[in-house]
Amino acid sequence: MLINLTDVLTSEGKTEEQQVPIEMTDFSNGLEKYLILEKSLVDLKFSNIKKGKAQIDGKAKVVLKMSCDRCLKEVGEVIPLNFSRTVLAPDEITEGTDEEGDQTFMDGYQLNVEDLINDEILLGLPTKVLCKEDCKGICKQCGKNLNEGECGCDTFVPDPRMAVIKDIFNANKEV
């Protein structure tokens, strides 16, 4: 969805508020694609800071279908979006500056809401997704989900510092 910000960028002191729907059905971070299970309306507030410069404040919420990092169970991960961005009118941007690359969601005087929301979801992605705080993960040998019960596999891990002694005993063992 495109929103025209010409009035806000050219009129000093002007403020506008809008609620717009999120039209995205999935989100891709470049590595994985996540289905959007729930999404709220985006509350946007546009405020002119000075001629050719505006502040965009927004608030929304999306729920992504993600996999638990320990047991691989699919969970709905809530991503709250609270953001504040400063945008410049196209004639205020000087080429070769950081301002030029920082406004990838702007096309002239048009704000592309989907691109802005995509950027904000990317910034809000959790580093670790867990189905529950005490998730036990999966068995390293058989792959059973340990949250559903024990699998019966031998979980003994020998101390690597004792490996040399074990080799001595095995070398002196009579056949």
N, C-alpha and C. Protein backbone atom coordinates (compact mmCIF):
# COMPACT_ATOMS: atom_id res chain seq x y z
N MET A 1 0.84 -1.17 0.00
CA MET A 1 0.00 0.00 0.00
C MET A 1 0.89 1.24 0.00
N LEU A 2 0.58 2.19 -0.85
CA LEU A 2 1.32 3.44 -0.93
C LEU A 2 0.52 4.57 -0.27
N ILE A 3 1.21 5.39 0.50
CA ILE A 3 0.60 6.56 1.13
C ILE A 3 1.36 7.79 0.66
N ASN A 4 0.63 8.76 0.15
CA ASN A 4 1.24 9.99 -0.34
C ASN A 4 1.55 10.91 0.84
N LEU A 5 2.83 11.28 0.98
CA LEU A 5 3.26 12.14 2.09
C LEU A 5 3.61 13.55 1.62
N THR A 6 3.14 13.94 0.45
CA THR A 6 3.46 15.26 -0.08
C THR A 6 3.02 16.37 0.87
N ASP A 7 1.79 16.30 1.35
CA ASP A 7 1.27 17.34 2.26
C ASP A 7 2.10 17.44 3.54
N VAL A 8 2.43 16.31 4.12
CA VAL A 8 3.16 16.31 5.38
C VAL A 8 4.59 16.82 5.17
N LEU A 9 5.23 16.41 4.08
CA LEU A 9 6.62 16.82 3.84
C LEU A 9 6.75 18.30 3.44
N THR A 10 5.70 18.87 2.86
CA THR A 10 5.81 20.26 2.38
C THR A 10 5.15 21.29 3.29
N SER A 11 4.35 20.88 4.25
CA SER A 11 3.65 21.83 5.13
C SER A 11 4.21 21.74 6.54
N GLU A 12 4.86 22.80 6.99
CA GLU A 12 5.46 22.80 8.32
C GLU A 12 4.40 22.69 9.41
N GLY A 13 4.67 21.82 10.39
CA GLY A 13 3.77 21.65 11.51
C GLY A 13 2.59 20.72 11.25
N LYS A 14 2.44 20.21 10.03
CA LYS A 14 1.29 19.36 9.68
C LYS A 14 1.45 17.98 10.31
N THR A 15 0.34 17.45 10.81
CA THR A 15 0.30 16.11 11.40
C THR A 15 -0.90 15.36 10.83
N GLU A 16 -0.69 14.10 10.47
CA GLU A 16 -1.77 13.23 10.00
C GLU A 16 -1.67 11.89 10.69
N GLU A 17 -2.81 11.25 10.87
CA GLU A 17 -2.85 9.90 11.43
C GLU A 17 -3.67 9.02 10.52
N GLN A 18 -3.23 7.76 10.36
CA GLN A 18 -3.95 6.79 9.53
C GLN A 18 -3.81 5.41 10.13
N GLN A 19 -4.81 4.59 9.85
CA GLN A 19 -4.75 3.17 10.15
C GLN A 19 -4.85 2.44 8.82
N VAL A 20 -3.86 1.58 8.56
CA VAL A 20 -3.85 0.84 7.30
C VAL A 20 -3.65 -0.64 7.58
N PRO A 21 -4.22 -1.50 6.73
CA PRO A 21 -4.03 -2.94 6.92
C PRO A 21 -2.68 -3.39 6.40
N ILE A 22 -2.18 -4.47 6.97
CA ILE A 22 -0.98 -5.12 6.46
C ILE A 22 -1.45 -6.12 5.41
N GLU A 23 -0.98 -5.97 4.18
CA GLU A 23 -1.44 -6.83 3.09
C GLU A 23 -0.57 -8.06 2.92
N MET A 24 0.57 -8.13 3.58
CA MET A 24 1.48 -9.27 3.46
C MET A 24 0.83 -10.53 4.03
N THR A 25 1.08 -11.68 3.39
CA THR A 25 0.61 -12.96 3.91
C THR A 25 1.76 -13.80 4.44
N ASP A 26 2.98 -13.44 4.05
CA ASP A 26 4.17 -14.12 4.56
C ASP A 26 5.32 -13.13 4.63
N PHE A 27 6.38 -13.55 5.31
CA PHE A 27 7.56 -12.71 5.49
C PHE A 27 8.79 -13.54 5.17
N SER A 28 9.72 -12.97 4.42
CA SER A 28 10.97 -13.65 4.10
C SER A 28 12.13 -12.79 4.58
N ASN A 29 13.06 -13.41 5.30
CA ASN A 29 14.24 -12.68 5.77
C ASN A 29 15.45 -12.94 4.88
N GLY A 30 15.25 -13.58 3.74
CA GLY A 30 16.35 -13.89 2.84
C GLY A 30 16.83 -15.32 2.99
N LEU A 31 16.58 -15.92 4.15
CA LEU A 31 16.97 -17.31 4.39
C LEU A 31 15.75 -18.22 4.51
N GLU A 32 14.75 -17.75 5.23
CA GLU A 32 13.54 -18.53 5.46
C GLU A 32 12.31 -17.70 5.15
N LYS A 33 11.23 -18.41 4.88
CA LYS A 33 9.95 -17.75 4.63
C LYS A 33 9.01 -18.16 5.75
N TYR A 34 8.36 -17.18 6.38
CA TYR A 34 7.46 -17.42 7.50
C TYR A 34 6.05 -17.00 7.12
N LEU A 35 5.09 -17.83 7.46
CA LEU A 35 3.69 -17.52 7.24
C LEU A 35 3.22 -16.56 8.33
N ILE A 36 2.46 -15.54 7.95
CA ILE A 36 1.91 -14.61 8.94
C ILE A 36 0.56 -15.17 9.38
N LEU A 37 0.46 -15.55 10.66
CA LEU A 37 -0.75 -16.14 11.20
C LEU A 37 -1.78 -15.08 11.58
N GLU A 38 -1.31 -13.99 12.18
CA GLU A 38 -2.20 -12.89 12.60
C GLU A 38 -1.50 -11.58 12.31
N LYS A 39 -2.31 -10.55 12.09
CA LYS A 39 -1.75 -9.21 11.89
C LYS A 39 -2.78 -8.18 12.29
N SER A 40 -2.28 -7.10 12.86
CA SER A 40 -3.17 -6.01 13.27
C SER A 40 -3.10 -4.90 12.23
N LEU A 41 -3.95 -3.91 12.41
CA LEU A 41 -3.84 -2.72 11.58
C LEU A 41 -2.59 -1.95 12.02
N VAL A 42 -2.00 -1.21 11.09
CA VAL A 42 -0.84 -0.39 11.41
C VAL A 42 -1.33 1.02 11.75
N ASP A 43 -1.07 1.47 12.97
CA ASP A 43 -1.39 2.84 13.37
C ASP A 43 -0.20 3.70 13.00
N LEU A 44 -0.41 4.65 12.10
CA LEU A 44 0.67 5.52 11.63
C LEU A 44 0.36 6.97 11.98
N LYS A 45 1.41 7.67 12.39
CA LYS A 45 1.29 9.11 12.66
C LYS A 45 2.43 9.79 11.91
N PHE A 46 2.07 10.74 11.05
CA PHE A 46 3.04 11.48 10.25
C PHE A 46 3.11 12.90 10.80
N SER A 47 4.29 13.36 11.16
CA SER A 47 4.47 14.72 11.70
C SER A 47 5.59 15.42 10.95
N ASN A 48 5.31 16.63 10.50
CA ASN A 48 6.33 17.42 9.84
C ASN A 48 7.26 18.00 10.89
N ILE A 49 8.56 17.80 10.72
CA ILE A 49 9.56 18.33 11.65
C ILE A 49 10.04 19.69 11.15
N LYS A 50 10.34 19.73 9.87
CA LYS A 50 10.70 20.98 9.19
C LYS A 50 10.42 20.75 7.71
N LYS A 51 10.51 21.77 6.92
CA LYS A 51 10.19 21.66 5.50
C LYS A 51 11.07 20.59 4.85
N GLY A 52 10.41 19.60 4.26
CA GLY A 52 11.11 18.52 3.59
C GLY A 52 11.53 17.37 4.50
N LYS A 53 11.13 17.40 5.77
CA LYS A 53 11.51 16.36 6.72
C LYS A 53 10.31 16.00 7.60
N ALA A 54 10.03 14.71 7.72
CA ALA A 54 8.88 14.26 8.51
C ALA A 54 9.25 13.08 9.39
N GLN A 55 8.51 12.93 10.47
CA GLN A 55 8.67 11.82 11.41
C GLN A 55 7.50 10.86 11.21
N ILE A 56 7.80 9.57 11.09
CA ILE A 56 6.77 8.54 10.98
C ILE A 56 6.83 7.70 12.24
N ASP A 57 5.75 7.68 13.01
CA ASP A 57 5.65 6.83 14.19
C ASP A 57 4.58 5.78 13.89
N GLY A 58 4.88 4.54 14.24
CA GLY A 58 3.93 3.48 13.93
C GLY A 58 3.89 2.40 14.98
N LYS A 59 2.78 1.68 14.97
CA LYS A 59 2.58 0.61 15.94
C LYS A 59 1.72 -0.47 15.28
N ALA A 60 2.13 -1.72 15.43
CA ALA A 60 1.37 -2.85 14.89
C ALA A 60 1.86 -4.12 15.57
N LYS A 61 1.25 -5.23 15.20
CA LYS A 61 1.64 -6.53 15.75
C LYS A 61 1.41 -7.59 14.68
N VAL A 62 2.39 -8.48 14.52
CA VAL A 62 2.22 -9.63 13.63
C VAL A 62 2.61 -10.90 14.40
N VAL A 63 2.00 -12.00 14.02
CA VAL A 63 2.34 -13.31 14.59
C VAL A 63 2.84 -14.17 13.45
N LEU A 64 4.11 -14.61 13.56
CA LEU A 64 4.73 -15.43 12.53
C LEU A 64 4.75 -16.90 12.95
N LYS A 65 4.57 -17.78 11.99
CA LYS A 65 4.68 -19.22 12.24
C LYS A 65 6.16 -19.58 12.12
N MET A 66 6.77 -19.91 13.28
CA MET A 66 8.19 -20.22 13.33
C MET A 66 8.41 -21.56 14.01
N SER A 67 9.61 -22.11 13.86
CA SER A 67 9.96 -23.38 14.49
C SER A 67 10.78 -23.13 15.75
N CYS A 68 10.49 -23.92 16.79
CA CYS A 68 11.27 -23.86 18.02
C CYS A 68 12.71 -24.26 17.70
N ASP A 69 13.67 -23.52 18.24
CA ASP A 69 15.08 -23.78 17.96
C ASP A 69 15.60 -25.05 18.63
N ARG A 70 14.86 -25.60 19.60
CA ARG A 70 15.33 -26.80 20.28
C ARG A 70 14.62 -28.07 19.82
N CYS A 71 13.28 -28.02 19.69
CA CYS A 71 12.53 -29.24 19.37
C CYS A 71 11.88 -29.21 17.99
N LEU A 72 11.98 -28.10 17.28
CA LEU A 72 11.45 -27.92 15.93
C LEU A 72 9.93 -27.89 15.84
N LYS A 73 9.24 -27.80 16.98
CA LYS A 73 7.79 -27.68 16.98
C LYS A 73 7.41 -26.30 16.46
N GLU A 74 6.36 -26.24 15.65
CA GLU A 74 5.93 -24.95 15.10
C GLU A 74 5.14 -24.18 16.15
N VAL A 75 5.50 -22.89 16.28
CA VAL A 75 4.87 -22.01 17.26
C VAL A 75 4.52 -20.68 16.59
N GLY A 76 3.57 -19.98 17.18
CA GLY A 76 3.23 -18.64 16.73
C GLY A 76 4.02 -17.63 17.54
N GLU A 77 4.95 -16.95 16.91
CA GLU A 77 5.82 -15.99 17.59
C GLU A 77 5.30 -14.57 17.36
N VAL A 78 4.96 -13.88 18.46
CA VAL A 78 4.42 -12.52 18.37
C VAL A 78 5.58 -11.55 18.15
N ILE A 79 5.46 -10.72 17.13
CA ILE A 79 6.46 -9.70 16.83
C ILE A 79 5.78 -8.34 16.99
N PRO A 80 6.03 -7.65 18.12
CA PRO A 80 5.45 -6.30 18.27
C PRO A 80 6.26 -5.30 17.46
N LEU A 81 5.57 -4.42 16.76
CA LEU A 81 6.24 -3.42 15.93
C LEU A 81 5.94 -2.03 16.48
N ASN A 82 6.92 -1.39 17.04
CA ASN A 82 6.84 -0.01 17.50
C ASN A 82 8.03 0.71 16.88
N PHE A 83 7.76 1.63 16.01
CA PHE A 83 8.87 2.24 15.29
C PHE A 83 8.69 3.74 15.13
N SER A 84 9.81 4.38 14.90
CA SER A 84 9.85 5.81 14.65
C SER A 84 10.93 6.05 13.61
N ARG A 85 10.56 6.58 12.46
CA ARG A 85 11.50 6.82 11.36
C ARG A 85 11.41 8.26 10.90
N THR A 86 12.51 8.79 10.46
CA THR A 86 12.55 10.12 9.88
C THR A 86 12.75 9.97 8.38
N VAL A 87 11.92 10.66 7.61
CA VAL A 87 12.03 10.61 6.15
C VAL A 87 12.23 12.00 5.59
N LEU A 88 12.87 12.05 4.44
CA LEU A 88 13.13 13.32 3.77
C LEU A 88 12.43 13.35 2.42
N ALA A 89 12.06 14.54 2.00
CA ALA A 89 11.50 14.72 0.66
C ALA A 89 12.60 14.39 -0.36
N PRO A 90 12.22 13.91 -1.54
CA PRO A 90 13.22 13.51 -2.54
C PRO A 90 14.21 14.63 -2.89
N ASP A 91 13.77 15.87 -2.90
CA ASP A 91 14.67 16.97 -3.26
C ASP A 91 15.59 17.36 -2.10
N GLU A 92 15.38 16.81 -0.89
CA GLU A 92 16.23 17.09 0.26
C GLU A 92 17.36 16.07 0.41
N ILE A 93 17.28 14.96 -0.31
CA ILE A 93 18.27 13.89 -0.20
C ILE A 93 19.44 14.21 -1.13
N THR A 94 20.65 14.16 -0.58
CA THR A 94 21.84 14.35 -1.40
C THR A 94 22.41 12.97 -1.72
N GLU A 95 22.80 12.77 -2.97
CA GLU A 95 23.30 11.46 -3.40
C GLU A 95 24.60 11.11 -2.70
N GLY A 96 24.75 9.81 -2.45
CA GLY A 96 25.97 9.31 -1.83
C GLY A 96 25.99 9.42 -0.32
N THR A 97 24.89 9.83 0.30
CA THR A 97 24.84 9.94 1.76
C THR A 97 24.08 8.76 2.35
N ASP A 98 24.16 8.62 3.66
CA ASP A 98 23.44 7.55 4.34
C ASP A 98 21.93 7.72 4.22
N GLU A 99 21.49 8.96 4.10
CA GLU A 99 20.06 9.24 4.02
C GLU A 99 19.44 8.58 2.79
N GLU A 100 20.21 8.49 1.72
CA GLU A 100 19.70 7.91 0.47
C GLU A 100 19.38 6.42 0.65
N GLY A 101 20.27 5.67 1.28
CA GLY A 101 20.06 4.24 1.46
C GLY A 101 19.15 3.89 2.62
N ASP A 102 18.89 4.85 3.50
CA ASP A 102 18.08 4.61 4.69
C ASP A 102 16.59 4.69 4.40
N GLN A 103 16.22 5.15 3.23
CA GLN A 103 14.82 5.34 2.89
C GLN A 103 14.37 4.39 1.78
N THR A 104 14.67 3.11 1.94
CA THR A 104 14.32 2.14 0.91
C THR A 104 12.82 1.94 0.78
N PHE A 105 12.06 2.34 1.79
CA PHE A 105 10.61 2.20 1.79
C PHE A 105 9.91 3.43 1.21
N MET A 106 10.68 4.41 0.77
CA MET A 106 10.11 5.62 0.16
C MET A 106 10.35 5.59 -1.35
N ASP A 107 9.34 5.98 -2.10
CA ASP A 107 9.45 6.11 -3.55
C ASP A 107 8.97 7.52 -3.89
N GLY A 108 9.91 8.45 -3.94
CA GLY A 108 9.54 9.85 -4.12
C GLY A 108 8.84 10.35 -2.87
N TYR A 109 7.61 10.82 -3.05
CA TYR A 109 6.80 11.28 -1.91
C TYR A 109 5.87 10.17 -1.40
N GLN A 110 5.99 8.97 -1.94
CA GLN A 110 5.12 7.85 -1.58
C GLN A 110 5.80 6.94 -0.55
N LEU A 111 5.08 6.65 0.53
CA LEU A 111 5.54 5.69 1.54
C LEU A 111 4.98 4.33 1.19
N ASN A 112 5.85 3.33 1.00
CA ASN A 112 5.42 1.97 0.77
C ASN A 112 5.32 1.28 2.13
N VAL A 113 4.10 1.13 2.61
CA VAL A 113 3.87 0.60 3.96
C VAL A 113 4.39 -0.84 4.08
N GLU A 114 4.21 -1.64 3.04
CA GLU A 114 4.66 -3.04 3.10
C GLU A 114 6.17 -3.13 3.26
N ASP A 115 6.92 -2.30 2.55
CA ASP A 115 8.38 -2.31 2.68
C ASP A 115 8.81 -1.85 4.08
N LEU A 116 8.12 -0.85 4.62
CA LEU A 116 8.43 -0.36 5.96
C LEU A 116 8.15 -1.45 7.00
N ILE A 117 7.01 -2.11 6.88
CA ILE A 117 6.66 -3.19 7.82
C ILE A 117 7.64 -4.35 7.67
N ASN A 118 8.04 -4.67 6.45
CA ASN A 118 9.01 -5.73 6.21
C ASN A 118 10.33 -5.42 6.92
N ASP A 119 10.80 -4.18 6.82
CA ASP A 119 12.03 -3.76 7.51
C ASP A 119 11.88 -3.90 9.02
N GLU A 120 10.72 -3.48 9.54
CA GLU A 120 10.50 -3.52 10.99
C GLU A 120 10.40 -4.95 11.51
N ILE A 121 9.77 -5.84 10.75
CA ILE A 121 9.71 -7.26 11.17
C ILE A 121 11.12 -7.83 11.20
N LEU A 122 11.91 -7.51 10.19
CA LEU A 122 13.29 -8.00 10.13
C LEU A 122 14.09 -7.54 11.34
N LEU A 123 13.90 -6.29 11.75
CA LEU A 123 14.59 -5.78 12.93
C LEU A 123 14.06 -6.39 14.23
N GLY A 124 12.78 -6.81 14.22
CA GLY A 124 12.16 -7.34 15.44
C GLY A 124 12.22 -8.85 15.58
N LEU A 125 12.81 -9.55 14.62
CA LEU A 125 12.88 -11.01 14.72
C LEU A 125 13.67 -11.44 15.95
N PRO A 126 13.17 -12.42 16.68
CA PRO A 126 13.90 -12.88 17.87
C PRO A 126 15.13 -13.68 17.46
N THR A 127 16.16 -13.65 18.29
CA THR A 127 17.37 -14.41 18.00
C THR A 127 17.18 -15.89 18.32
N LYS A 128 16.31 -16.20 19.26
CA LYS A 128 16.02 -17.59 19.62
C LYS A 128 14.52 -17.74 19.83
N VAL A 129 13.95 -18.74 19.18
CA VAL A 129 12.52 -19.03 19.30
C VAL A 129 12.37 -20.33 20.10
N LEU A 130 11.60 -20.28 21.18
CA LEU A 130 11.36 -21.47 22.00
C LEU A 130 9.86 -21.69 22.15
N CYS A 131 9.43 -22.96 22.12
CA CYS A 131 8.02 -23.27 22.31
C CYS A 131 7.61 -23.02 23.76
N LYS A 132 8.55 -23.20 24.69
CA LYS A 132 8.37 -22.88 26.10
C LYS A 132 9.75 -22.71 26.71
N GLU A 133 9.83 -21.99 27.81
CA GLU A 133 11.12 -21.65 28.40
C GLU A 133 11.97 -22.87 28.75
N ASP A 134 11.33 -23.94 29.22
CA ASP A 134 12.08 -25.13 29.63
C ASP A 134 12.04 -26.24 28.58
N CYS A 135 12.02 -25.87 27.31
CA CYS A 135 12.00 -26.86 26.22
C CYS A 135 13.25 -27.75 26.32
N LYS A 136 13.03 -29.07 26.25
CA LYS A 136 14.13 -30.02 26.40
C LYS A 136 14.80 -30.37 25.07
N GLY A 137 14.17 -30.00 23.96
CA GLY A 137 14.78 -30.26 22.65
C GLY A 137 14.51 -31.67 22.16
N ILE A 138 15.40 -32.14 21.28
CA ILE A 138 15.26 -33.48 20.72
C ILE A 138 16.48 -34.32 21.10
N CYS A 139 16.29 -35.62 21.12
CA CYS A 139 17.37 -36.55 21.44
C CYS A 139 18.41 -36.50 20.33
N LYS A 140 19.67 -36.45 20.71
CA LYS A 140 20.76 -36.38 19.73
C LYS A 140 20.96 -37.69 18.99
N GLN A 141 20.45 -38.79 19.55
CA GLN A 141 20.64 -40.08 18.91
C GLN A 141 19.45 -40.50 18.05
N CYS A 142 18.23 -40.44 18.62
CA CYS A 142 17.07 -40.95 17.89
C CYS A 142 16.17 -39.86 17.33
N GLY A 143 16.32 -38.62 17.81
CA GLY A 143 15.53 -37.51 17.29
C GLY A 143 14.14 -37.35 17.91
N LYS A 144 13.84 -38.07 18.99
CA LYS A 144 12.53 -37.94 19.62
C LYS A 144 12.44 -36.61 20.37
N ASN A 145 11.25 -36.02 20.34
CA ASN A 145 11.00 -34.78 21.08
C ASN A 145 10.98 -35.13 22.57
N LEU A 146 11.94 -34.62 23.33
CA LEU A 146 12.07 -34.96 24.75
C LEU A 146 11.02 -34.30 25.62
N ASN A 147 10.26 -33.35 25.08
CA ASN A 147 9.15 -32.75 25.82
C ASN A 147 8.00 -33.74 25.96
N GLU A 148 7.94 -34.72 25.07
CA GLU A 148 6.87 -35.72 25.08
C GLU A 148 7.22 -36.92 25.95
N GLY A 149 8.43 -36.98 26.49
CA GLY A 149 8.85 -38.08 27.33
C GLY A 149 10.25 -38.54 26.97
N GLU A 150 10.82 -39.35 27.86
CA GLU A 150 12.18 -39.87 27.62
C GLU A 150 12.16 -40.91 26.52
N CYS A 151 13.27 -41.05 25.82
CA CYS A 151 13.33 -41.98 24.70
C CYS A 151 14.03 -43.28 25.06
N GLY A 152 14.81 -43.32 26.13
CA GLY A 152 15.49 -44.54 26.54
C GLY A 152 16.88 -44.69 25.95
N CYS A 153 17.34 -43.73 25.19
CA CYS A 153 18.69 -43.80 24.61
C CYS A 153 19.73 -43.59 25.71
N ASP A 154 20.93 -44.16 25.50
CA ASP A 154 22.03 -43.98 26.44
C ASP A 154 22.56 -42.55 26.28
N THR A 155 22.46 -41.76 27.34
CA THR A 155 22.88 -40.36 27.27
C THR A 155 24.23 -40.13 27.94
N PHE A 156 24.94 -41.23 28.31
CA PHE A 156 26.23 -41.10 28.96
C PHE A 156 27.25 -40.54 27.97
N VAL A 157 27.90 -39.46 28.38
CA VAL A 157 28.95 -38.85 27.57
C VAL A 157 30.23 -38.93 28.40
N PRO A 158 31.24 -39.70 27.94
CA PRO A 158 32.46 -39.83 28.73
C PRO A 158 33.25 -38.51 28.76
N ASP A 159 33.97 -38.33 29.84
CA ASP A 159 34.80 -37.14 30.00
C ASP A 159 35.98 -37.24 29.02
N PRO A 160 36.15 -36.28 28.12
CA PRO A 160 37.23 -36.37 27.13
C PRO A 160 38.62 -36.35 27.76
N ARG A 161 38.74 -35.84 28.97
CA ARG A 161 40.05 -35.82 29.63
C ARG A 161 40.48 -37.22 30.05
N MET A 162 39.51 -38.13 30.14
CA MET A 162 39.81 -39.50 30.55
C MET A 162 40.06 -40.42 29.36
N ALA A 163 39.98 -39.91 28.15
CA ALA A 163 40.13 -40.73 26.95
C ALA A 163 41.51 -41.39 26.89
N VAL A 164 42.55 -40.69 27.33
CA VAL A 164 43.91 -41.24 27.29
C VAL A 164 44.00 -42.46 28.21
N ILE A 165 43.42 -42.37 29.39
CA ILE A 165 43.46 -43.50 30.32
C ILE A 165 42.68 -44.67 29.75
N LYS A 166 41.55 -44.40 29.11
CA LYS A 166 40.75 -45.45 28.49
C LYS A 166 41.55 -46.16 27.41
N ASP A 167 42.32 -45.39 26.63
CA ASP A 167 43.16 -45.99 25.59
C ASP A 167 44.23 -46.89 26.18
N ILE A 168 44.81 -46.51 27.33
CA ILE A 168 45.82 -47.33 28.00
C ILE A 168 45.21 -48.65 28.44
N PHE A 169 44.03 -48.59 29.06
CA PHE A 169 43.35 -49.82 29.50
C PHE A 169 43.00 -50.71 28.31
N ASN A 170 42.54 -50.13 27.21
CA ASN A 170 42.19 -50.92 26.04
C ASN A 170 43.44 -51.53 25.40
N ALA A 171 44.60 -50.86 25.44
CA ALA A 171 45.82 -51.37 24.85
C ALA A 171 46.36 -52.54 25.66
N ASN A 172 46.18 -52.53 26.98
CA ASN A 172 46.71 -53.58 27.85
C ASN A 172 45.72 -54.70 28.10
N LYS A 173 44.58 -54.63 27.47
CA LYS A 173 43.55 -55.64 27.67
C LYS A 173 43.97 -56.93 26.95
N GLU A 174 43.80 -58.05 27.63
CA GLU A 174 44.13 -59.33 27.00
C GLU A 174 42.95 -59.78 26.16
N VAL A 175 43.27 -60.36 25.02
CA VAL A 175 42.23 -60.80 24.12
C VAL A 175 41.87 -62.21 24.39
